[in-house]
Amino acid sequence: INISKSYDDLQVIKDFSVSISKGEKVGIVGTNGVGKTTLLRMLMK
């Protein structure tokens, strides 16, 4: 729910909301350094 994450002055994730349900297989894509692992680690707490 409206998650955001910055590193110093670089905002990687801004006000992102998502709901993931049972049985879904979700692929996270994007260029290197853009925040894919950051998003995954936040979802994993």
PDB file of all heavy atoms in Angstrom:
ATOM      1  N   ILE A   1       0.853  -1.196   0.000  1.00  0.00           N
ATOM      2  CA  ILE A   1       0.000   0.000   0.000  1.00  0.00           C
ATOM      3  C   ILE A   1       0.889   1.247   0.000  1.00  0.00           C
ATOM      4  O   ILE A   1       1.543   1.553   0.999  1.00  0.00           O
ATOM      5  CB  ILE A   1      -0.932   0.019   1.232  1.00  0.00           C
ATOM      6  CG1 ILE A   1      -1.765  -1.267   1.289  1.00  0.00           C
ATOM      7  CG2 ILE A   1      -1.842   1.250   1.197  1.00  0.00           C
ATOM      8  CD1 ILE A   1      -2.474  -1.475   2.618  1.00  0.00           C
ATOM      9  N   ASN A   2       0.956   1.906  -1.163  1.00  0.00           N
ATOM     10  CA  ASN A   2       1.693   3.177  -1.316  1.00  0.00           C
ATOM     11  C   ASN A   2       3.118   3.110  -0.753  1.00  0.00           C
ATOM     12  O   ASN A   2       3.567   4.000  -0.030  1.00  0.00           O
ATOM     13  CB  ASN A   2       0.931   4.315  -0.615  1.00  0.00           C
ATOM     14  CG  ASN A   2      -0.418   4.579  -1.258  1.00  0.00           C
ATOM     15  OD1 ASN A   2      -0.565   4.456  -2.473  1.00  0.00           O
ATOM     16  ND2 ASN A   2      -1.414   4.906  -0.446  1.00  0.00           N
ATOM     17  N   ILE A   3       3.848   2.050  -1.134  1.00  0.00           N
ATOM     18  CA  ILE A   3       5.217   1.933  -0.617  1.00  0.00           C
ATOM     19  C   ILE A   3       6.185   2.776  -1.458  1.00  0.00           C
ATOM     20  O   ILE A   3       6.043   2.897  -2.679  1.00  0.00           O
ATOM     21  CB  ILE A   3       5.699   0.466  -0.570  1.00  0.00           C
ATOM     22  CG1 ILE A   3       5.621  -0.213  -1.953  1.00  0.00           C
ATOM     23  CG2 ILE A   3       4.928  -0.320   0.466  1.00  0.00           C
ATOM     24  CD1 ILE A   3       6.256  -1.598  -1.987  1.00  0.00           C
ATOM     25  N   SER A   4       7.184   3.364  -0.776  1.00  0.00           N
ATOM     26  CA  SER A   4       8.215   4.181  -1.420  1.00  0.00           C
ATOM     27  C   SER A   4       9.562   3.827  -0.815  1.00  0.00           C
ATOM     28  O   SER A   4       9.661   3.427   0.349  1.00  0.00           O
ATOM     29  CB  SER A   4       7.947   5.676  -1.229  1.00  0.00           C
ATOM     30  OG  SER A   4       6.720   6.058  -1.813  1.00  0.00           O
ATOM     31  N   LYS A   5      10.623   3.994  -1.649  1.00  0.00           N
ATOM     32  CA  LYS A   5      11.972   3.757  -1.149  1.00  0.00           C
ATOM     33  C   LYS A   5      12.961   4.617  -1.919  1.00  0.00           C
ATOM     34  O   LYS A   5      12.911   4.677  -3.150  1.00  0.00           O
ATOM     35  CB  LYS A   5      12.360   2.277  -1.298  1.00  0.00           C
ATOM     36  CG  LYS A   5      13.674   1.911  -0.626  1.00  0.00           C
ATOM     37  CD  LYS A   5      13.586   2.015   0.881  1.00  0.00           C
ATOM     38  CE  LYS A   5      14.903   1.712   1.560  1.00  0.00           C
ATOM     39  NZ  LYS A   5      14.822   1.868   3.029  1.00  0.00           N
ATOM     40  N   SER A   6      13.855   5.281  -1.159  1.00  0.00           N
ATOM     41  CA  SER A   6      14.899   6.105  -1.765  1.00  0.00           C
ATOM     42  C   SER A   6      16.256   5.706  -1.204  1.00  0.00           C
ATOM     43  O   SER A   6      16.368   5.212  -0.075  1.00  0.00           O
ATOM     44  CB  SER A   6      14.657   7.590  -1.475  1.00  0.00           C
ATOM     45  OG  SER A   6      13.446   8.026  -2.050  1.00  0.00           O
ATOM     46  N   TYR A   7      17.301   5.920  -2.015  1.00  0.00           N
ATOM     47  CA  TYR A   7      18.684   5.799  -1.577  1.00  0.00           C
ATOM     48  C   TYR A   7      19.344   7.161  -1.785  1.00  0.00           C
ATOM     49  O   TYR A   7      19.546   7.587  -2.929  1.00  0.00           O
ATOM     50  CB  TYR A   7      19.415   4.720  -2.382  1.00  0.00           C
ATOM     51  CG  TYR A   7      18.863   3.321  -2.164  1.00  0.00           C
ATOM     52  CD1 TYR A   7      17.993   2.744  -3.099  1.00  0.00           C
ATOM     53  CD2 TYR A   7      19.190   2.583  -1.034  1.00  0.00           C
ATOM     54  CE1 TYR A   7      17.479   1.464  -2.904  1.00  0.00           C
ATOM     55  CE2 TYR A   7      18.678   1.312  -0.830  1.00  0.00           C
ATOM     56  CZ  TYR A   7      17.833   0.754  -1.761  1.00  0.00           C
ATOM     57  OH  TYR A   7      17.316  -0.515  -1.572  1.00  0.00           O
ATOM     58  N   ASP A   8      19.636   7.848  -0.693  1.00  0.00           N
ATOM     59  CA  ASP A   8      20.129   9.230  -0.755  1.00  0.00           C
ATOM     60  C   ASP A   8      19.118  10.067  -1.539  1.00  0.00           C
ATOM     61  O   ASP A   8      17.946  10.101  -1.184  1.00  0.00           O
ATOM     62  CB  ASP A   8      21.529   9.277  -1.375  1.00  0.00           C
ATOM     63  CG  ASP A   8      22.541   8.521  -0.516  1.00  0.00           C
ATOM     64  OD1 ASP A   8      22.412   8.557   0.724  1.00  0.00           O
ATOM     65  OD2 ASP A   8      23.437   7.881  -1.089  1.00  0.00           O
ATOM     66  N   ASP A   9      19.547  10.682  -2.638  1.00  0.00           N
ATOM     67  CA  ASP A   9      18.643  11.535  -3.412  1.00  0.00           C
ATOM     68  C   ASP A   9      17.916  10.782  -4.526  1.00  0.00           C
ATOM     69  O   ASP A   9      17.131  11.385  -5.269  1.00  0.00           O
ATOM     70  CB  ASP A   9      19.427  12.708  -4.025  1.00  0.00           C
ATOM     71  CG  ASP A   9      20.008  13.632  -2.959  1.00  0.00           C
ATOM     72  OD1 ASP A   9      19.394  13.727  -1.881  1.00  0.00           O
ATOM     73  OD2 ASP A   9      21.076  14.226  -3.212  1.00  0.00           O
ATOM     74  N   LEU A  10      18.193   9.505  -4.656  1.00  0.00           N
ATOM     75  CA  LEU A  10      17.597   8.728  -5.743  1.00  0.00           C
ATOM     76  C   LEU A  10      16.362   7.984  -5.246  1.00  0.00           C
ATOM     77  O   LEU A  10      16.471   7.085  -4.406  1.00  0.00           O
ATOM     78  CB  LEU A  10      18.623   7.726  -6.299  1.00  0.00           C
ATOM     79  CG  LEU A  10      18.130   6.806  -7.420  1.00  0.00           C
ATOM     80  CD1 LEU A  10      17.782   7.598  -8.672  1.00  0.00           C
ATOM     81  CD2 LEU A  10      19.176   5.740  -7.732  1.00  0.00           C
ATOM     82  N   GLN A  11      15.194   8.353  -5.766  1.00  0.00           N
ATOM     83  CA  GLN A  11      13.959   7.654  -5.398  1.00  0.00           C
ATOM     84  C   GLN A  11      13.778   6.474  -6.345  1.00  0.00           C
ATOM     85  O   GLN A  11      13.668   6.631  -7.560  1.00  0.00           O
ATOM     86  CB  GLN A  11      12.745   8.573  -5.466  1.00  0.00           C
ATOM     87  CG  GLN A  11      11.478   7.879  -4.986  1.00  0.00           C
ATOM     88  CD  GLN A  11      10.405   8.833  -4.516  1.00  0.00           C
ATOM     89  OE1 GLN A  11      10.153   9.834  -5.159  1.00  0.00           O
ATOM     90  NE2 GLN A  11       9.775   8.536  -3.392  1.00  0.00           N
ATOM     91  N   VAL A  12      13.763   5.279  -5.775  1.00  0.00           N
ATOM     92  CA  VAL A  12      13.698   4.053  -6.575  1.00  0.00           C
ATOM     93  C   VAL A  12      12.253   3.592  -6.768  1.00  0.00           C
ATOM     94  O   VAL A  12      11.831   3.276  -7.878  1.00  0.00           O
ATOM     95  CB  VAL A  12      14.544   2.941  -5.898  1.00  0.00           C
ATOM     96  CG1 VAL A  12      14.482   1.656  -6.711  1.00  0.00           C
ATOM     97  CG2 VAL A  12      15.987   3.392  -5.742  1.00  0.00           C
ATOM     98  N   ILE A  13      11.494   3.544  -5.686  1.00  0.00           N
ATOM     99  CA  ILE A  13      10.078   3.145  -5.737  1.00  0.00           C
ATOM    100  C   ILE A  13       9.252   4.278  -5.137  1.00  0.00           C
ATOM    101  O   ILE A  13       9.587   4.800  -4.072  1.00  0.00           O
ATOM    102  CB  ILE A  13       9.826   1.849  -4.922  1.00  0.00           C
ATOM    103  CG1 ILE A  13      10.780   0.724  -5.351  1.00  0.00           C
ATOM    104  CG2 ILE A  13       8.368   1.411  -5.039  1.00  0.00           C
ATOM    105  CD1 ILE A  13      10.565   0.197  -6.732  1.00  0.00           C
ATOM    106  N   LYS A  14       8.159   4.662  -5.834  1.00  0.00           N
ATOM    107  CA  LYS A  14       7.335   5.784  -5.351  1.00  0.00           C
ATOM    108  C   LYS A  14       5.857   5.405  -5.342  1.00  0.00           C
ATOM    109  O   LYS A  14       5.283   5.070  -6.383  1.00  0.00           O
ATOM    110  CB  LYS A  14       7.548   7.011  -6.233  1.00  0.00           C
ATOM    111  CG  LYS A  14       6.774   8.239  -5.759  1.00  0.00           C
ATOM    112  CD  LYS A  14       7.030   9.438  -6.672  1.00  0.00           C
ATOM    113  CE  LYS A  14       6.237  10.651  -6.198  1.00  0.00           C
ATOM    114  NZ  LYS A  14       6.436  11.817  -7.095  1.00  0.00           N
ATOM    115  N   ASP A  15       5.262   5.439  -4.157  1.00  0.00           N
ATOM    116  CA  ASP A  15       3.815   5.278  -3.982  1.00  0.00           C
ATOM    117  C   ASP A  15       3.246   4.115  -4.797  1.00  0.00           C
ATOM    118  O   ASP A  15       2.259   4.253  -5.515  1.00  0.00           O
ATOM    119  CB  ASP A  15       3.082   6.572  -4.376  1.00  0.00           C
ATOM    120  CG  ASP A  15       3.443   7.724  -3.455  1.00  0.00           C
ATOM    121  OD1 ASP A  15       3.785   7.465  -2.290  1.00  0.00           O
ATOM    122  OD2 ASP A  15       3.420   8.878  -3.925  1.00  0.00           O
ATOM    123  N   PHE A  16       3.863   2.947  -4.637  1.00  0.00           N
ATOM    124  CA  PHE A  16       3.428   1.776  -5.409  1.00  0.00           C
ATOM    125  C   PHE A  16       2.493   0.915  -4.572  1.00  0.00           C
ATOM    126  O   PHE A  16       2.755   0.618  -3.413  1.00  0.00           O
ATOM    127  CB  PHE A  16       4.628   0.953  -5.848  1.00  0.00           C
ATOM    128  CG  PHE A  16       4.264  -0.305  -6.577  1.00  0.00           C
ATOM    129  CD1 PHE A  16       3.543  -0.257  -7.765  1.00  0.00           C
ATOM    130  CD2 PHE A  16       4.631  -1.560  -6.083  1.00  0.00           C
ATOM    131  CE1 PHE A  16       3.193  -1.420  -8.444  1.00  0.00           C
ATOM    132  CE2 PHE A  16       4.290  -2.722  -6.751  1.00  0.00           C
ATOM    133  CZ  PHE A  16       3.568  -2.648  -7.943  1.00  0.00           C
ATOM    134  N   SER A  17       1.383   0.527  -5.188  1.00  0.00           N
ATOM    135  CA  SER A  17       0.421  -0.366  -4.541  1.00  0.00           C
ATOM    136  C   SER A  17       0.176  -1.573  -5.440  1.00  0.00           C
ATOM    137  O   SER A  17       0.095  -1.446  -6.671  1.00  0.00           O
ATOM    138  CB  SER A  17      -0.900   0.362  -4.271  1.00  0.00           C
ATOM    139  OG  SER A  17      -0.712   1.429  -3.371  1.00  0.00           O
ATOM    140  N   VAL A  18       0.073  -2.750  -4.822  1.00  0.00           N
ATOM    141  CA  VAL A  18      -0.176  -3.964  -5.595  1.00  0.00           C
ATOM    142  C   VAL A  18      -0.787  -5.012  -4.682  1.00  0.00           C
ATOM    143  O   VAL A  18      -0.537  -5.031  -3.472  1.00  0.00           O
ATOM    144  CB  VAL A  18       1.134  -4.498  -6.233  1.00  0.00           C
ATOM    145  CG1 VAL A  18       2.078  -5.059  -5.161  1.00  0.00           C
ATOM    146  CG2 VAL A  18       0.859  -5.556  -7.296  1.00  0.00           C
ATOM    147  N   SER A  19      -1.603  -5.881  -5.276  1.00  0.00           N
ATOM    148  CA  SER A  19      -2.175  -7.012  -4.552  1.00  0.00           C
ATOM    149  C   SER A  19      -1.882  -8.277  -5.353  1.00  0.00           C
ATOM    150  O   SER A  19      -2.190  -8.346  -6.547  1.00  0.00           O
ATOM    151  CB  SER A  19      -3.684  -6.829  -4.384  1.00  0.00           C
ATOM    152  OG  SER A  19      -4.232  -7.935  -3.692  1.00  0.00           O
ATOM    153  N   ILE A  20      -1.259  -9.275  -4.707  1.00  0.00           N
ATOM    154  CA  ILE A  20      -0.881 -10.521  -5.374  1.00  0.00           C
ATOM    155  C   ILE A  20      -1.610 -11.679  -4.702  1.00  0.00           C
ATOM    156  O   ILE A  20      -1.634 -11.784  -3.475  1.00  0.00           O
ATOM    157  CB  ILE A  20       0.649 -10.718  -5.318  1.00  0.00           C
ATOM    158  CG1 ILE A  20       1.341  -9.594  -6.119  1.00  0.00           C
ATOM    159  CG2 ILE A  20       1.052 -12.084  -5.869  1.00  0.00           C
ATOM    160  CD1 ILE A  20       2.838  -9.530  -5.934  1.00  0.00           C
ATOM    161  N   SER A  21      -2.210 -12.533  -5.527  1.00  0.00           N
ATOM    162  CA  SER A  21      -3.103 -13.576  -5.013  1.00  0.00           C
ATOM    163  C   SER A  21      -2.516 -14.977  -5.159  1.00  0.00           C
ATOM    164  O   SER A  21      -1.479 -15.176  -5.810  1.00  0.00           O
ATOM    165  CB  SER A  21      -4.445 -13.514  -5.751  1.00  0.00           C
ATOM    166  OG  SER A  21      -5.027 -12.238  -5.621  1.00  0.00           O
ATOM    167  N   LYS A  22      -3.219 -15.939  -4.602  1.00  0.00           N
ATOM    168  CA  LYS A  22      -2.833 -17.348  -4.656  1.00  0.00           C
ATOM    169  C   LYS A  22      -2.718 -17.819  -6.112  1.00  0.00           C
ATOM    170  O   LYS A  22      -3.567 -17.517  -6.947  1.00  0.00           O
ATOM    171  CB  LYS A  22      -3.879 -18.191  -3.925  1.00  0.00           C
ATOM    172  CG  LYS A  22      -3.604 -19.697  -3.979  1.00  0.00           C
ATOM    173  CD  LYS A  22      -4.713 -20.488  -3.293  1.00  0.00           C
ATOM    174  CE  LYS A  22      -4.468 -21.980  -3.408  1.00  0.00           C
ATOM    175  NZ  LYS A  22      -5.519 -22.773  -2.746  1.00  0.00           N
ATOM    176  N   GLY A  23      -1.651 -18.575  -6.389  1.00  0.00           N
ATOM    177  CA  GLY A  23      -1.499 -19.213  -7.699  1.00  0.00           C
ATOM    178  C   GLY A  23      -0.882 -18.340  -8.771  1.00  0.00           C
ATOM    179  O   GLY A  23      -0.564 -18.841  -9.857  1.00  0.00           O
ATOM    180  N   GLU A  24      -0.685 -17.044  -8.491  1.00  0.00           N
ATOM    181  CA  GLU A  24      -0.079 -16.183  -9.507  1.00  0.00           C
ATOM    182  C   GLU A  24       1.422 -16.456  -9.610  1.00  0.00           C
ATOM    183  O   GLU A  24       2.090 -16.762  -8.620  1.00  0.00           O
ATOM    184  CB  GLU A  24      -0.309 -14.706  -9.176  1.00  0.00           C
ATOM    185  CG  GLU A  24      -1.741 -14.246  -9.376  1.00  0.00           C
ATOM    186  CD  GLU A  24      -1.846 -12.726  -9.401  1.00  0.00           C
ATOM    187  OE1 GLU A  24      -1.798 -12.116  -8.324  1.00  0.00           O
ATOM    188  OE2 GLU A  24      -1.963 -12.160 -10.514  1.00  0.00           O
ATOM    189  N   LYS A  25       1.935 -16.324 -10.821  1.00  0.00           N
ATOM    190  CA  LYS A  25       3.376 -16.419 -11.061  1.00  0.00           C
ATOM    191  C   LYS A  25       3.801 -15.094 -11.696  1.00  0.00           C
ATOM    192  O   LYS A  25       3.520 -14.835 -12.866  1.00  0.00           O
ATOM    193  CB  LYS A  25       3.694 -17.621 -11.943  1.00  0.00           C
ATOM    194  CG  LYS A  25       3.417 -18.960 -11.243  1.00  0.00           C
ATOM    195  CD  LYS A  25       3.779 -20.146 -12.111  1.00  0.00           C
ATOM    196  CE  LYS A  25       3.735 -21.446 -11.321  1.00  0.00           C
ATOM    197  NZ  LYS A  25       2.413 -21.819 -10.826  1.00  0.00           N
ATOM    198  N   VAL A  26       4.472 -14.268 -10.885  1.00  0.00           N
ATOM    199  CA  VAL A  26       4.726 -12.871 -11.243  1.00  0.00           C
ATOM    200  C   VAL A  26       6.199 -12.683 -11.602  1.00  0.00           C
ATOM    201  O   VAL A  26       7.091 -13.018 -10.807  1.00  0.00           O
ATOM    202  CB  VAL A  26       4.369 -11.933 -10.070  1.00  0.00           C
ATOM    203  CG1 VAL A  26       4.567 -10.471 -10.475  1.00  0.00           C
ATOM    204  CG2 VAL A  26       2.929 -12.179  -9.616  1.00  0.00           C
ATOM    205  N   GLY A  27       6.460 -12.158 -12.793  1.00  0.00           N
ATOM    206  CA  GLY A  27       7.818 -11.834 -13.225  1.00  0.00           C
ATOM    207  C   GLY A  27       8.068 -10.344 -13.075  1.00  0.00           C
ATOM    208  O   GLY A  27       7.283  -9.530 -13.553  1.00  0.00           O
ATOM    209  N   ILE A  28       9.164  -9.978 -12.399  1.00  0.00           N
ATOM    210  CA  ILE A  28       9.534  -8.573 -12.227  1.00  0.00           C
ATOM    211  C   ILE A  28      10.682  -8.273 -13.181  1.00  0.00           C
ATOM    212  O   ILE A  28      11.737  -8.908 -13.117  1.00  0.00           O
ATOM    213  CB  ILE A  28       9.940  -8.278 -10.768  1.00  0.00           C
ATOM    214  CG1 ILE A  28       8.779  -8.612  -9.825  1.00  0.00           C
ATOM    215  CG2 ILE A  28      10.355  -6.826 -10.601  1.00  0.00           C
ATOM    216  CD1 ILE A  28       9.113  -8.452  -8.351  1.00  0.00           C
ATOM    217  N   VAL A  29      10.488  -7.313 -14.093  1.00  0.00           N
ATOM    218  CA  VAL A  29      11.478  -7.012 -15.130  1.00  0.00           C
ATOM    219  C   VAL A  29      11.856  -5.538 -15.090  1.00  0.00           C
ATOM    220  O   VAL A  29      11.172  -4.716 -14.482  1.00  0.00           O
ATOM    221  CB  VAL A  29      10.965  -7.395 -16.533  1.00  0.00           C
ATOM    222  CG1 VAL A  29      10.625  -8.879 -16.612  1.00  0.00           C
ATOM    223  CG2 VAL A  29       9.741  -6.557 -16.925  1.00  0.00           C
ATOM    224  N   GLY A  30      12.939  -5.210 -15.777  1.00  0.00           N
ATOM    225  CA  GLY A  30      13.428  -3.837 -15.826  1.00  0.00           C
ATOM    226  C   GLY A  30      14.937  -3.843 -15.909  1.00  0.00           C
ATOM    227  O   GLY A  30      15.586  -4.867 -15.698  1.00  0.00           O
ATOM    228  N   THR A  31      15.523  -2.698 -16.215  1.00  0.00           N
ATOM    229  CA  THR A  31      16.970  -2.627 -16.371  1.00  0.00           C
ATOM    230  C   THR A  31      17.684  -2.781 -15.037  1.00  0.00           C
ATOM    231  O   THR A  31      17.085  -2.656 -13.967  1.00  0.00           O
ATOM    232  CB  THR A  31      17.367  -1.290 -17.022  1.00  0.00           C
ATOM    233  OG1 THR A  31      18.742  -1.349 -17.416  1.00  0.00           O
ATOM    234  CG2 THR A  31      17.187  -0.126 -16.084  1.00  0.00           C
ATOM    235  N   ASN A  32      18.990  -3.054 -15.090  1.00  0.00           N
ATOM    236  CA  ASN A  32      19.789  -3.158 -13.861  1.00  0.00           C
ATOM    237  C   ASN A  32      19.810  -1.828 -13.122  1.00  0.00           C
ATOM    238  O   ASN A  32      19.896  -0.760 -13.737  1.00  0.00           O
ATOM    239  CB  ASN A  32      21.229  -3.571 -14.188  1.00  0.00           C
ATOM    240  CG  ASN A  32      21.345  -5.044 -14.515  1.00  0.00           C
ATOM    241  OD1 ASN A  32      20.466  -5.831 -14.179  1.00  0.00           O
ATOM    242  ND2 ASN A  32      22.409  -5.432 -15.176  1.00  0.00           N
ATOM    243  N   GLY A  33      19.731  -1.891 -11.785  1.00  0.00           N
ATOM    244  CA  GLY A  33      19.843  -0.695 -10.972  1.00  0.00           C
ATOM    245  C   GLY A  33      18.573   0.114 -10.840  1.00  0.00           C
ATOM    246  O   GLY A  33      18.569   1.177 -10.216  1.00  0.00           O
ATOM    247  N   VAL A  34      17.460  -0.383 -11.409  1.00  0.00           N
ATOM    248  CA  VAL A  34      16.232   0.414 -11.425  1.00  0.00           C
ATOM    249  C   VAL A  34      15.368   0.177 -10.181  1.00  0.00           C
ATOM    250  O   VAL A  34      14.467   0.951  -9.898  1.00  0.00           O
ATOM    251  CB  VAL A  34      15.439   0.136 -12.718  1.00  0.00           C
ATOM    252  CG1 VAL A  34      14.671  -1.186 -12.623  1.00  0.00           C
ATOM    253  CG2 VAL A  34      14.519   1.286 -13.071  1.00  0.00           C
ATOM    254  N   GLY A  35      15.633  -0.919  -9.426  1.00  0.00           N
ATOM    255  CA  GLY A  35      14.882  -1.137  -8.189  1.00  0.00           C
ATOM    256  C   GLY A  35      14.121  -2.443  -8.101  1.00  0.00           C
ATOM    257  O   GLY A  35      13.281  -2.608  -7.209  1.00  0.00           O
ATOM    258  N   LYS A  36      14.396  -3.408  -8.981  1.00  0.00           N
ATOM    259  CA  LYS A  36      13.666  -4.683  -8.955  1.00  0.00           C
ATOM    260  C   LYS A  36      13.895  -5.434  -7.636  1.00  0.00           C
ATOM    261  O   LYS A  36      12.953  -5.882  -6.993  1.00  0.00           O
ATOM    262  CB  LYS A  36      14.095  -5.562 -10.142  1.00  0.00           C
ATOM    263  CG  LYS A  36      13.905  -4.946 -11.500  1.00  0.00           C
ATOM    264  CD  LYS A  36      14.188  -5.917 -12.624  1.00  0.00           C
ATOM    265  CE  LYS A  36      15.601  -6.452 -12.637  1.00  0.00           C
ATOM    266  NZ  LYS A  36      16.629  -5.411 -12.889  1.00  0.00           N
ATOM    267  N   THR A  37      15.174  -5.562  -7.258  1.00  0.00           N
ATOM    268  CA  THR A  37      15.483  -6.274  -6.015  1.00  0.00           C
ATOM    269  C   THR A  37      14.966  -5.515  -4.800  1.00  0.00           C
ATOM    270  O   THR A  37      14.478  -6.120  -3.833  1.00  0.00           O
ATOM    271  CB  THR A  37      17.005  -6.498  -5.905  1.00  0.00           C
ATOM    272  OG1 THR A  37      17.421  -7.366  -6.979  1.00  0.00           O
ATOM    273  CG2 THR A  37      17.387  -7.134  -4.574  1.00  0.00           C
ATOM    274  N   THR A  38      15.025  -4.192  -4.856  1.00  0.00           N
ATOM    275  CA  THR A  38      14.478  -3.372  -3.766  1.00  0.00           C
ATOM    276  C   THR A  38      12.997  -3.665  -3.571  1.00  0.00           C
ATOM    277  O   THR A  38      12.527  -3.860  -2.443  1.00  0.00           O
ATOM    278  CB  THR A  38      14.685  -1.875  -4.060  1.00  0.00           C
ATOM    279  OG1 THR A  38      16.087  -1.604  -4.086  1.00  0.00           O
ATOM    280  CG2 THR A  38      14.015  -0.997  -3.018  1.00  0.00           C
ATOM    281  N   LEU A  39      12.236  -3.715  -4.661  1.00  0.00           N
ATOM    282  CA  LEU A  39      10.808  -4.012  -4.584  1.00  0.00           C
ATOM    283  C   LEU A  39      10.577  -5.415  -4.016  1.00  0.00           C
ATOM    284  O   LEU A  39       9.742  -5.604  -3.116  1.00  0.00           O
ATOM    285  CB  LEU A  39      10.174  -3.905  -5.978  1.00  0.00           C
ATOM    286  CG  LEU A  39       8.703  -4.330  -6.074  1.00  0.00           C
ATOM    287  CD1 LEU A  39       7.821  -3.480  -5.173  1.00  0.00           C
ATOM    288  CD2 LEU A  39       8.220  -4.253  -7.528  1.00  0.00           C
ATOM    289  N   LEU A  40      11.334  -6.387  -4.503  1.00  0.00           N
ATOM    290  CA  LEU A  40      11.166  -7.764  -4.047  1.00  0.00           C
ATOM    291  C   LEU A  40      11.473  -7.885  -2.551  1.00  0.00           C
ATOM    292  O   LEU A  40      10.750  -8.550  -1.802  1.00  0.00           O
ATOM    293  CB  LEU A  40      12.088  -8.687  -4.859  1.00  0.00           C
ATOM    294  CG  LEU A  40      11.719 -10.170  -4.899  1.00  0.00           C
ATOM    295  CD1 LEU A  40      10.390 -10.365  -5.618  1.00  0.00           C
ATOM    296  CD2 LEU A  40      12.809 -10.967  -5.602  1.00  0.00           C
ATOM    297  N   ARG A  41      12.531  -7.237  -2.103  1.00  0.00           N
ATOM    298  CA  ARG A  41      12.917  -7.322  -0.696  1.00  0.00           C
ATOM    299  C   ARG A  41      11.892  -6.627   0.215  1.00  0.00           C
ATOM    300  O   ARG A  41      11.664  -7.064   1.345  1.00  0.00           O
ATOM    301  CB  ARG A  41      14.306  -6.706  -0.500  1.00  0.00           C
ATOM    302  CG  ARG A  41      15.421  -7.614  -1.025  1.00  0.00           C
ATOM    303  CD  ARG A  41      16.777  -6.918  -0.973  1.00  0.00           C
ATOM    304  NE  ARG A  41      17.137  -6.548   0.386  1.00  0.00           N
ATOM    305  CZ  ARG A  41      17.639  -7.374   1.303  1.00  0.00           C
ATOM    306  NH1 ARG A  41      17.857  -8.638   0.987  1.00  0.00           N
ATOM    307  NH2 ARG A  41      17.941  -6.951   2.512  1.00  0.00           N
ATOM    308  N   MET A  42      11.258  -5.553  -0.280  1.00  0.00           N
ATOM    309  CA  MET A  42      10.207  -4.913   0.514  1.00  0.00           C
ATOM    310  C   MET A  42       8.986  -5.828   0.609  1.00  0.00           C
ATOM    311  O   MET A  42       8.380  -5.951   1.686  1.00  0.00           O
ATOM    312  CB  MET A  42       9.834  -3.555  -0.086  1.00  0.00           C
ATOM    313  CG  MET A  42      10.861  -2.464   0.189  1.00  0.00           C
ATOM    314  SD  MET A  42      10.253  -0.788  -0.129  1.00  0.00           S
ATOM    315  CE  MET A  42      10.086  -0.801  -1.912  1.00  0.00           C
ATOM    316  N   LEU A  43       8.619  -6.478  -0.492  1.00  0.00           N
ATOM    317  CA  LEU A  43       7.494  -7.408  -0.451  1.00  0.00           C
ATOM    318  C   LEU A  43       7.781  -8.580   0.485  1.00  0.00           C
ATOM    319  O   LEU A  43       6.873  -9.114   1.131  1.00  0.00           O
ATOM    320  CB  LEU A  43       7.183  -7.923  -1.857  1.00  0.00           C
ATOM    321  CG  LEU A  43       6.605  -6.911  -2.849  1.00  0.00           C
ATOM    322  CD1 LEU A  43       6.468  -7.523  -4.237  1.00  0.00           C
ATOM    323  CD2 LEU A  43       5.248  -6.385  -2.369  1.00  0.00           C
ATOM    324  N   MET A  44       9.046  -8.950   0.609  1.00  0.00           N
ATOM    325  CA  MET A  44       9.442 -10.049   1.486  1.00  0.00           C
ATOM    326  C   MET A  44       9.673  -9.598   2.933  1.00  0.00           C
ATOM    327  O   MET A  44      10.071 -10.398   3.778  1.00  0.00           O
ATOM    328  CB  MET A  44      10.716 -10.709   0.954  1.00  0.00           C
ATOM    329  CG  MET A  44      10.467 -11.672  -0.198  1.00  0.00           C
ATOM    330  SD  MET A  44       9.472 -13.095   0.286  1.00  0.00           S
ATOM    331  CE  MET A  44      10.569 -13.931   1.428  1.00  0.00           C
ATOM    332  N   LYS A  45       9.466  -8.308   3.191  1.00  0.00           N
ATOM    333  CA  LYS A  45       9.691  -7.714   4.523  1.00  0.00           C
ATOM    334  C   LYS A  45      11.144  -7.862   4.985  1.00  0.00           C
ATOM    335  O   LYS A  45      11.434  -7.950   6.184  1.00  0.00           O
ATOM    336  CB  LYS A  45       8.741  -8.332   5.556  1.00  0.00           C
ATOM    337  CG  LYS A  45       7.269  -8.027   5.292  1.00  0.00           C
ATOM    338  CD  LYS A  45       6.386  -8.533   6.433  1.00  0.00           C
ATOM    339  CE  LYS A  45       4.931  -8.183   6.207  1.00  0.00           C
ATOM    340  NZ  LYS A  45       4.063  -8.651   7.305  1.00  0.00           N
TER     341      LYS A  45
END
